Amino acid sequence: MSKSVPLILPENFSWDEQAQKVIKPLNPDGKHQAPAETMKVIESSVRIISSISGKVGVICIVGPARSGKSYLNSKVLDGTADSFELGGTMDAQTFGIWIGTRTIPGKDCTLIILDTEGIDHHGGSGRRDNALYALSVLLSSYLIYNSTGVPRAGDLDKMHFILKLCDTIKSQDENCLDFKTFFPHFLWVLRDCFLTPTIGGNPVTALEYLREVVLKAEPTTYGPEYQARCTRNMMRQIIMSSFATTDCESLPLPDSSPDRLRCIAAYETQLESPDFLPAVTRIASKIRDKGGEAKRPWRFGQVVTGPVLAALVPELVQILNDPSKNVPVANLWDNVSRNLWNKQYSISMDKYEAELQDLKQHFPMPAEQLLHKETLLSKRIQQEMTAAVLSGDEHICKEFLDKFRNDTAVYDETNELVGGVFHQFSRENEIMSEATCKKILSTLFAPIKQKLES
């Protein structure tokens, strides 16, 4: 398997899992079709996420096309240069969202690395950009915005997807306004940045420059740029107030040779800048360390596990494919949690019935012994069911545990078993017990009967 595979692709693209390559459809003239505006999920890649039983963290990189996102992500994933495919032309290399096929250990979770299609490439779509980046924010625990050169107002314009996402969440759920509780940590990486950041002629760190210059509100006097300035100021406020934390790092230009830049993976050890590779290694290590926390849930008390995240992906893609829909954060989590419980409930019921069937080979047995074995079995299955889902939604957890208890064994007010799966098994045990008792009595009475008759 490749080191990275697509998790989400344009609707009209497909993934050849055997050949490990993306299939782009052709037009009648033999040229590739443009990527569709809508997206689809690659199920084989979702299984990478669902196979992680415990808590997960998600490091995701976004930003303009052809800015070196895949190279940095590869360094974060395993220290190589090309775990995520690189390109040396002006054409976009990554479409949709790709996932690293290997995971890395975090502080209290397993980390997944996502690589995202670049903003505003010539084959792109503004609608798909908005959907992809909204998805990146909602899925990630650590979001990296990767851009080239000194940060400009235009970079804030390219982040309008965050503003749009916040608006759609607000309009759907007025109670879900504290984005800081579930938005990811944010890191802005400035690539090919050879200028020293200064404020008032004094050198400052990249983060200080970001906070005091780039994210400082600009005047909004009425004029031709009034609306654009207001929008950028809203973006500034969201970046500073909605993300869990905000950070900034810069990387120097690695080389002046276009040939070496186009094939940076092959020329890594021959680059002109002695500071580039150490800086990349340091930032990649920082990303793994700072991004090593589990994804924070959308409501207090919930836990984001691999199965939960895997269930969220198709749900979010379906919603974001329709630009007229809002993102129902509260309801969405309930739907995903309920779906996971439904799935686990079916598995648990099958296991309960199978283990009861195994007990039948010991029938007949004393009723008290059978009841004791069923009680232990029921408690164990409920514990396993709760541990398997780990959703943290107490009301949904209680709902399904109550359903399990009612479907397995129902007792009346006198504590007599009157319904449920176990009731049928108990009746079978009683019938077999009665038959066995009659047989024993018949065997014992036979000689007495014979003597009486003689």
Protein backbone atom coordinates (compact mmCIF):
# COMPACT_ATOMS: atom_id res chain seq x y z
CA MET A 1 0.00 0.00 0.00
CA SER A 2 1.13 3.58 -0.72
CA LYS A 3 2.22 5.78 2.16
CA SER A 4 -0.83 7.97 1.51
CA VAL A 5 -4.21 7.32 -0.10
CA PRO A 6 -7.24 9.48 -0.87
CA LEU A 7 -9.85 9.82 1.85
CA ILE A 8 -12.06 12.18 -0.15
CA LEU A 9 -12.05 12.75 -3.92
CA PRO A 10 -14.09 14.82 -6.39
CA GLU A 11 -17.31 12.92 -7.16
CA ASN A 12 -16.28 12.09 -10.74
CA PHE A 13 -12.84 10.71 -9.78
CA SER A 14 -12.28 7.12 -8.64
CA TRP A 15 -9.58 5.24 -6.73
CA ASP A 16 -8.06 2.06 -8.11
CA GLU A 17 -7.07 0.36 -4.86
CA GLN A 18 -5.20 -2.44 -6.58
CA ALA A 19 -3.12 -0.13 -8.79
CA GLN A 20 -2.99 2.52 -6.04
CA LYS A 21 -3.81 5.40 -8.35
CA VAL A 22 -6.53 7.98 -8.97
CA ILE A 23 -8.57 7.51 -12.15
CA LYS A 24 -9.62 10.79 -13.75
CA PRO A 25 -12.46 10.49 -16.29
CA LEU A 26 -11.94 11.60 -19.88
CA ASN A 27 -14.03 13.89 -22.05
CA PRO A 28 -14.95 12.82 -25.62
CA ASP A 29 -11.95 14.84 -26.87
CA GLY A 30 -9.60 12.69 -24.77
CA LYS A 31 -8.82 15.39 -22.21
CA HIS A 32 -9.37 14.88 -18.50
CA GLN A 33 -12.62 16.16 -17.05
CA ALA A 34 -12.47 18.97 -14.53
CA PRO A 35 -12.93 17.79 -10.93
CA ALA A 36 -16.58 17.77 -9.89
CA GLU A 37 -17.73 20.33 -7.32
CA THR A 38 -19.19 17.61 -5.13
CA MET A 39 -17.08 15.09 -3.17
CA LYS A 40 -17.20 11.41 -2.31
CA VAL A 41 -15.64 9.29 0.43
CA ILE A 42 -13.25 6.41 -0.31
CA GLU A 43 -14.49 3.62 1.95
CA SER A 44 -11.21 1.67 2.01
CA SER A 45 -9.48 4.76 3.43
CA VAL A 46 -12.19 5.34 6.05
CA ARG A 47 -11.33 1.89 7.39
CA ILE A 48 -7.85 3.20 8.30
CA ILE A 49 -9.60 5.54 10.75
CA SER A 50 -12.24 3.11 12.01
CA SER A 51 -9.53 0.53 12.82
CA ILE A 52 -8.23 2.84 15.59
CA SER A 53 -10.21 1.78 18.65
CA GLY A 54 -9.06 4.51 21.02
CA LYS A 55 -8.95 8.31 20.90
CA VAL A 56 -7.62 10.02 17.76
CA GLY A 57 -5.93 13.29 16.90
CA VAL A 58 -5.93 14.72 13.38
CA ILE A 59 -3.18 16.94 11.93
CA CYS A 60 -4.39 18.60 8.73
CA ILE A 61 -2.61 21.02 6.41
CA VAL A 62 -4.38 23.52 4.14
CA GLY A 63 -3.34 26.50 2.04
CA PRO A 64 -2.74 27.77 -1.49
CA ALA A 65 -1.87 25.28 -4.23
CA ARG A 66 1.78 24.55 -5.05
CA SER A 67 3.04 25.96 -1.74
CA GLY A 68 4.77 22.83 -0.38
CA LYS A 69 2.00 21.43 1.85
CA SER A 70 2.60 17.79 0.90
CA TYR A 71 6.34 18.07 1.55
CA LEU A 72 5.81 19.44 5.07
CA ASN A 73 3.15 16.82 5.79
CA SER A 74 5.53 14.05 4.72
CA LYS A 75 8.10 15.37 7.18
CA VAL A 76 5.49 15.34 9.94
CA LEU A 77 4.36 11.80 9.09
CA ASP A 78 7.65 9.94 8.92
CA GLY A 79 10.51 12.36 8.24
CA THR A 80 10.72 11.48 4.53
CA ALA A 81 10.19 13.98 1.73
CA ASP A 82 7.52 12.29 -0.35
CA SER A 83 5.11 10.19 1.73
CA PHE A 84 2.48 12.49 0.27
CA GLU A 85 2.99 12.77 -3.47
CA LEU A 86 4.86 15.88 -4.64
CA GLY A 87 4.62 17.64 -7.95
CA GLY A 88 7.10 19.74 -9.89
CA THR A 89 4.70 21.47 -12.29
CA MET A 90 2.07 24.20 -12.05
CA ASP A 91 -0.69 21.59 -12.12
CA ALA A 92 -2.23 20.58 -8.79
CA GLN A 93 -0.96 17.28 -7.45
CA THR A 94 -3.44 16.67 -4.62
CA PHE A 95 -7.19 16.52 -5.21
CA GLY A 96 -9.59 16.22 -2.30
CA ILE A 97 -8.15 15.10 1.04
CA TRP A 98 -5.48 12.39 1.40
CA ILE A 99 -4.63 10.39 4.51
CA GLY A 100 -1.32 8.85 5.60
CA THR A 101 -1.64 5.05 5.70
CA ARG A 102 0.46 4.86 8.84
CA THR A 103 -0.37 6.56 12.11
CA ILE A 104 1.92 8.06 14.73
CA PRO A 105 1.56 7.98 18.52
CA GLY A 106 0.33 11.16 20.22
CA LYS A 107 0.26 12.17 23.88
CA ASP A 108 -2.97 10.39 24.71
CA CYS A 109 -4.16 9.28 21.29
CA THR A 110 -3.25 7.98 17.84
CA LEU A 111 -2.43 10.68 15.27
CA ILE A 112 -3.73 10.74 11.69
CA ILE A 113 -2.17 13.02 9.05
CA LEU A 114 -4.37 14.63 6.36
CA ASP A 115 -3.17 16.47 3.24
CA THR A 116 -5.63 18.79 1.50
CA GLU A 117 -6.14 20.07 -2.03
CA GLY A 118 -4.72 23.57 -2.54
CA ILE A 119 -6.89 26.65 -2.56
CA ASP A 120 -7.50 28.46 -5.88
CA HIS A 121 -5.60 26.18 -8.27
CA HIS A 122 -6.65 26.54 -11.91
CA GLY A 123 -8.65 23.30 -11.93
CA GLY A 124 -10.30 24.01 -8.61
CA SER A 125 -13.75 25.11 -7.55
CA GLY A 126 -14.63 27.74 -4.98
CA ARG A 127 -17.53 25.62 -3.82
CA ARG A 128 -15.34 22.55 -3.35
CA ASP A 129 -12.64 24.65 -1.66
CA ASN A 130 -15.17 25.85 0.92
CA ALA A 131 -16.41 22.32 1.54
CA LEU A 132 -12.93 20.78 1.78
CA TYR A 133 -11.62 23.38 4.19
CA ALA A 134 -14.75 23.38 6.32
CA LEU A 135 -14.23 19.63 6.54
CA SER A 136 -10.57 20.16 7.48
CA VAL A 137 -11.51 22.45 10.38
CA LEU A 138 -14.25 20.14 11.69
CA LEU A 139 -12.15 16.97 11.50
CA SER A 140 -8.79 18.24 12.70
CA SER A 141 -7.35 18.71 16.15
CA TYR A 142 -4.38 20.67 14.74
CA LEU A 143 -4.82 22.79 11.60
CA ILE A 144 -1.84 24.10 9.66
CA TYR A 145 -2.25 26.96 7.18
CA ASN A 146 0.69 26.88 4.76
CA SER A 147 1.44 29.95 2.61
CA THR A 148 4.45 31.45 0.83
CA GLY A 149 6.20 34.70 1.59
CA VAL A 150 5.15 37.47 3.96
CA PRO A 151 1.52 37.13 5.10
CA ARG A 152 -0.77 39.55 3.28
CA ALA A 153 -4.39 40.63 3.36
CA GLY A 154 -5.00 38.28 0.43
CA ASP A 155 -4.16 35.33 2.68
CA LEU A 156 -7.00 36.33 4.97
CA ASP A 157 -9.30 36.50 1.94
CA LYS A 158 -8.34 32.89 1.11
CA MET A 159 -9.43 31.83 4.60
CA HIS A 160 -13.01 32.99 4.08
CA PHE A 161 -14.06 29.33 4.33
CA ILE A 162 -13.58 29.59 8.11
CA LEU A 163 -15.92 32.58 8.27
CA LYS A 164 -18.49 30.79 6.13
CA LEU A 165 -18.25 27.70 8.34
CA CYS A 166 -18.80 29.73 11.51
CA ASP A 167 -21.83 31.42 9.94
CA THR A 168 -23.42 28.10 8.94
CA ILE A 169 -22.89 26.66 12.43
CA LYS A 170 -24.30 29.79 14.10
CA SER A 171 -27.40 29.90 11.92
CA GLN A 172 -28.12 26.24 12.67
CA ASP A 173 -27.41 26.14 16.40
CA GLU A 174 -27.46 29.36 18.37
CA ASN A 175 -26.24 27.46 21.45
CA CYS A 176 -23.06 26.36 19.67
CA LEU A 177 -21.23 29.70 19.56
CA ASP A 178 -18.14 28.90 21.59
CA PHE A 179 -16.01 27.60 18.72
CA LYS A 180 -12.92 27.64 20.92
CA THR A 181 -14.22 24.56 22.73
CA PHE A 182 -14.08 22.36 19.63
CA PHE A 183 -12.10 24.21 16.93
CA PRO A 184 -8.54 22.89 16.40
CA HIS A 185 -5.24 24.46 17.34
CA PHE A 186 -4.02 26.71 14.51
CA LEU A 187 -0.49 27.08 13.11
CA TRP A 188 0.36 29.46 10.25
CA VAL A 189 3.54 28.37 8.44
CA LEU A 190 5.22 31.03 6.27
CA ARG A 191 7.23 29.38 3.49
CA ASP A 192 10.17 30.87 1.52
CA CYS A 193 10.29 33.72 4.01
CA PHE A 194 13.73 35.37 3.94
CA LEU A 195 12.73 38.77 5.38
CA THR A 196 13.16 39.43 9.10
CA PRO A 197 9.87 40.31 10.80
CA THR A 198 10.08 43.68 12.56
CA ILE A 199 7.75 46.00 14.45
CA GLY A 200 8.86 49.60 14.77
CA GLY A 201 12.29 48.63 13.48
CA ASN A 202 12.79 45.98 16.16
CA PRO A 203 13.10 42.28 15.24
CA VAL A 204 10.22 40.12 16.51
CA THR A 205 9.18 36.50 16.24
CA ALA A 206 6.91 35.27 13.46
CA LEU A 207 4.11 34.83 16.02
CA GLU A 208 4.50 38.37 17.38
CA TYR A 209 4.40 39.73 13.82
CA LEU A 210 1.29 37.67 13.09
CA ARG A 211 -0.54 38.88 16.18
CA GLU A 212 0.52 42.52 16.15
CA VAL A 213 0.54 43.23 12.40
CA VAL A 214 -1.28 40.64 10.29
CA LEU A 215 -4.13 39.97 12.71
CA LYS A 216 -4.47 43.53 13.96
CA ALA A 217 -7.78 45.06 12.88
CA GLU A 218 -7.48 47.56 10.03
CA PRO A 219 -9.47 50.83 9.86
CA THR A 220 -12.93 50.41 8.34
CA THR A 221 -13.69 53.90 7.11
CA TYR A 222 -16.37 53.83 4.44
CA GLY A 223 -14.97 53.54 0.91
CA PRO A 224 -14.33 51.12 -1.95
CA GLU A 225 -12.55 48.61 0.35
CA TYR A 226 -15.00 48.95 3.23
CA GLN A 227 -16.71 45.56 2.86
CA ALA A 228 -13.46 43.70 2.18
CA ARG A 229 -11.83 45.26 5.26
CA CYS A 230 -14.80 44.37 7.46
CA THR A 231 -14.67 40.77 6.23
CA ARG A 232 -10.92 40.54 6.86
CA ASN A 233 -11.38 41.99 10.35
CA MET A 234 -13.96 39.31 11.07
CA MET A 235 -11.44 36.72 9.87
CA ARG A 236 -8.83 38.20 12.19
CA GLN A 237 -11.21 38.01 15.13
CA ILE A 238 -12.12 34.38 14.35
CA ILE A 239 -8.47 33.30 14.08
CA MET A 240 -7.59 34.90 17.39
CA SER A 241 -10.72 33.97 19.34
CA SER A 242 -12.12 30.76 17.86
CA PHE A 243 -9.13 28.45 17.51
CA ALA A 244 -7.89 26.70 20.64
CA THR A 245 -4.46 28.35 20.23
CA THR A 246 -2.79 30.37 17.49
CA ASP A 247 0.86 30.02 16.49
CA CYS A 248 3.17 30.97 13.63
CA GLU A 249 6.45 29.65 12.20
CA SER A 250 8.55 30.59 9.18
CA LEU A 251 10.72 28.59 6.79
CA PRO A 252 13.51 30.06 4.64
CA LEU A 253 13.67 29.58 0.88
CA PRO A 254 15.44 26.20 0.49
CA ASP A 255 17.22 26.95 -2.78
CA SER A 256 17.44 29.43 -5.64
CA SER A 257 17.62 26.74 -8.32
CA PRO A 258 14.23 26.01 -9.98
CA ASP A 259 15.44 22.50 -10.88
CA ARG A 260 16.23 21.61 -7.28
CA LEU A 261 12.99 23.17 -6.03
CA ARG A 262 10.96 21.18 -8.55
CA CYS A 263 12.59 17.95 -7.33
CA ILE A 264 13.18 18.87 -3.70
CA ALA A 265 12.87 15.26 -2.49
CA ALA A 266 15.83 14.21 -4.65
CA TYR A 267 17.99 17.23 -3.76
CA GLU A 268 17.27 17.52 -0.03
CA THR A 269 20.90 17.04 1.00
CA GLN A 270 22.19 19.47 -1.66
CA LEU A 271 20.02 22.50 -0.94
CA GLU A 272 21.72 25.91 -0.72
CA SER A 273 20.08 27.02 2.53
CA PRO A 274 21.80 25.42 5.54
CA ASP A 275 18.88 26.53 7.72
CA PHE A 276 16.03 24.98 5.73
CA LEU A 277 16.22 21.29 6.71
CA PRO A 278 16.89 21.95 10.42
CA ALA A 279 13.95 24.39 10.44
CA VAL A 280 11.66 21.85 8.72
CA THR A 281 12.72 19.14 11.19
CA ARG A 282 12.09 21.47 14.13
CA ILE A 283 8.65 22.54 12.88
CA ALA A 284 7.65 18.97 12.03
CA SER A 285 8.65 17.90 15.53
CA LYS A 286 6.70 20.81 17.00
CA ILE A 287 3.61 19.86 14.98
CA ARG A 288 3.79 16.26 16.19
CA ASP A 289 4.25 17.46 19.77
CA LYS A 290 1.66 20.26 19.84
CA GLY A 291 -0.72 18.33 17.62
CA GLY A 292 -0.37 15.17 19.68
CA GLU A 293 -3.60 15.74 21.61
CA ALA A 294 -6.84 13.92 20.92
CA LYS A 295 -9.44 15.75 18.87
CA ARG A 296 -11.74 17.69 21.14
CA PRO A 297 -15.43 16.82 20.82
CA TRP A 298 -18.21 19.24 19.97
CA ARG A 299 -19.89 18.79 23.33
CA PHE A 300 -18.47 18.25 26.79
CA GLY A 301 -18.14 14.64 27.83
CA GLN A 302 -17.85 13.14 24.38
CA VAL A 303 -14.87 11.15 23.16
CA VAL A 304 -13.61 11.15 19.57
CA THR A 305 -12.44 7.63 18.76
CA GLY A 306 -11.48 6.12 15.41
CA PRO A 307 -14.99 4.70 14.77
CA VAL A 308 -16.59 8.03 15.76
CA LEU A 309 -14.34 10.02 13.41
CA ALA A 310 -14.84 7.46 10.62
CA ALA A 311 -18.61 7.85 10.99
CA LEU A 312 -18.35 11.66 10.94
CA VAL A 313 -16.52 11.81 7.60
CA PRO A 314 -19.33 10.59 5.29
CA GLU A 315 -21.96 12.47 7.30
CA LEU A 316 -20.06 15.76 6.89
CA VAL A 317 -19.32 15.16 3.21
CA GLN A 318 -23.00 14.58 2.50
CA ILE A 319 -23.93 17.84 4.26
CA LEU A 320 -21.14 19.93 2.74
CA ASN A 321 -21.92 18.69 -0.79
CA ASP A 322 -25.05 20.82 -0.58
CA PRO A 323 -24.02 24.50 -0.17
CA SER A 324 -27.57 25.42 0.88
CA LYS A 325 -27.29 23.29 4.01
CA ASN A 326 -25.94 24.41 7.35
CA VAL A 327 -23.65 22.26 9.46
CA PRO A 328 -25.87 20.84 12.25
CA VAL A 329 -23.12 20.34 14.81
CA ALA A 330 -25.34 19.24 17.71
CA ASN A 331 -27.71 17.02 15.71
CA LEU A 332 -24.88 15.61 13.62
CA TRP A 333 -23.06 14.30 16.67
CA ASP A 334 -26.23 12.71 17.98
CA ASN A 335 -26.87 11.06 14.60
CA VAL A 336 -23.35 9.67 14.42
CA SER A 337 -23.44 8.50 18.03
CA ARG A 338 -26.83 6.86 17.50
CA ASN A 339 -25.62 5.11 14.34
CA LEU A 340 -22.58 3.74 16.17
CA TRP A 341 -24.74 2.53 19.04
CA ASN A 342 -27.16 0.90 16.61
CA LYS A 343 -24.33 -0.96 14.95
CA GLN A 344 -22.80 -2.05 18.25
CA TYR A 345 -26.23 -2.97 19.64
CA SER A 346 -26.76 -5.44 16.76
CA ILE A 347 -23.30 -6.93 17.32
CA SER A 348 -23.93 -7.21 21.07
CA MET A 349 -27.34 -8.84 20.65
CA ASP A 350 -25.88 -11.39 18.23
CA LYS A 351 -23.12 -12.17 20.71
CA TYR A 352 -25.60 -12.46 23.60
CA GLU A 353 -27.80 -14.89 21.69
CA ALA A 354 -24.81 -16.92 20.48
CA GLU A 355 -23.51 -17.35 24.03
CA LEU A 356 -26.97 -18.31 25.26
CA GLN A 357 -27.06 -20.91 22.49
CA ASP A 358 -23.78 -22.29 23.81
CA LEU A 359 -25.42 -22.75 27.23
CA LYS A 360 -28.08 -24.97 25.68
CA GLN A 361 -25.59 -27.82 25.42
CA HIS A 362 -25.70 -27.91 29.23
CA PHE A 363 -29.54 -27.97 29.39
CA PRO A 364 -31.28 -28.86 31.47
CA MET A 365 -29.72 -27.01 34.39
CA PRO A 366 -31.14 -25.65 37.63
CA ALA A 367 -33.10 -22.43 37.04
CA GLU A 368 -31.01 -20.52 39.61
CA GLN A 369 -27.78 -21.55 37.87
CA LEU A 370 -29.12 -20.50 34.46
CA LEU A 371 -30.27 -17.14 35.85
CA HIS A 372 -26.85 -16.55 37.43
CA LYS A 373 -25.05 -17.31 34.16
CA GLU A 374 -27.38 -15.02 32.19
CA THR A 375 -26.92 -12.18 34.69
CA LEU A 376 -23.13 -12.37 34.35
CA LEU A 377 -23.41 -12.61 30.56
CA SER A 378 -25.73 -9.59 30.35
CA LYS A 379 -23.47 -7.43 32.52
CA ARG A 380 -20.38 -8.37 30.50
CA ILE A 381 -22.04 -7.68 27.14
CA GLN A 382 -23.26 -4.27 28.36
CA GLN A 383 -19.77 -3.36 29.55
CA GLU A 384 -18.27 -4.44 26.23
CA MET A 385 -20.91 -2.49 24.30
CA THR A 386 -20.22 0.71 26.25
CA ALA A 387 -16.44 0.31 25.90
CA ALA A 388 -16.72 -0.33 22.14
CA VAL A 389 -18.69 2.86 21.43
CA LEU A 390 -17.11 5.29 23.92
CA SER A 391 -19.32 8.10 22.62
CA GLY A 392 -19.74 9.79 25.99
CA ASP A 393 -23.38 10.70 25.21
CA GLU A 394 -25.02 9.59 28.44
CA HIS A 395 -28.62 9.90 27.24
CA ILE A 396 -27.95 7.81 24.12
CA CYS A 397 -25.87 5.32 26.11
CA LYS A 398 -28.71 4.90 28.62
CA GLU A 399 -31.25 4.56 25.82
CA PHE A 400 -29.42 1.65 24.18
CA LEU A 401 -28.50 -0.09 27.43
CA ASP A 402 -32.16 0.08 28.49
CA LYS A 403 -33.15 -1.29 25.11
CA PHE A 404 -30.68 -4.16 25.49
CA ARG A 405 -32.01 -5.04 28.94
CA ASN A 406 -35.63 -4.88 27.76
CA ASP A 407 -34.91 -6.99 24.69
CA THR A 408 -32.99 -9.63 26.61
CA ALA A 409 -34.99 -10.09 29.82
CA VAL A 410 -38.27 -8.50 30.99
CA TYR A 411 -39.50 -8.98 34.55
CA ASP A 412 -42.92 -8.12 35.96
CA GLU A 413 -43.66 -6.45 39.29
CA THR A 414 -43.24 -9.76 41.11
CA ASN A 415 -39.78 -10.17 39.54
CA GLU A 416 -40.97 -13.04 37.38
CA LEU A 417 -39.36 -13.40 33.95
CA VAL A 418 -42.10 -12.67 31.39
CA GLY A 419 -40.38 -11.59 28.15
CA GLY A 420 -37.24 -11.03 26.12
CA VAL A 421 -34.76 -13.34 24.42
CA PHE A 422 -33.76 -14.97 27.70
CA HIS A 423 -37.40 -15.79 28.48
CA GLN A 424 -37.53 -18.11 25.47
CA PHE A 425 -34.27 -19.81 26.49
CA SER A 426 -35.50 -20.15 30.06
CA ARG A 427 -38.73 -21.78 28.85
CA GLU A 428 -36.72 -24.25 26.76
CA ASN A 429 -34.68 -25.11 29.85
CA GLU A 430 -37.91 -25.61 31.86
CA ILE A 431 -39.41 -27.85 29.17
CA MET A 432 -36.22 -29.92 29.00
CA SER A 433 -36.11 -30.07 32.81
CA GLU A 434 -39.69 -31.29 32.95
CA ALA A 435 -39.00 -33.90 30.28
CA THR A 436 -35.87 -35.05 32.10
CA CYS A 437 -37.71 -35.26 35.42
CA LYS A 438 -40.50 -37.31 33.82
CA LYS A 439 -37.93 -39.61 32.27
CA ILE A 440 -36.15 -40.07 35.62
CA LEU A 441 -39.45 -40.67 37.40
CA SER A 442 -40.48 -43.12 34.73
CA THR A 443 -37.19 -44.97 35.08
CA LEU A 444 -37.46 -45.06 38.89
CA PHE A 445 -41.12 -46.07 38.88
CA ALA A 446 -40.73 -48.81 36.23
CA PRO A 447 -39.55 -51.58 38.62
CA ILE A 448 -42.16 -50.58 41.21
CA LYS A 449 -44.87 -50.66 38.59
CA GLN A 450 -43.66 -54.07 37.40
CA LYS A 451 -43.83 -55.50 40.94
CA LEU A 452 -47.28 -54.04 41.49
CA GLU A 453 -48.55 -55.48 38.26
CA SER A 454 -47.08 -58.92 39.02
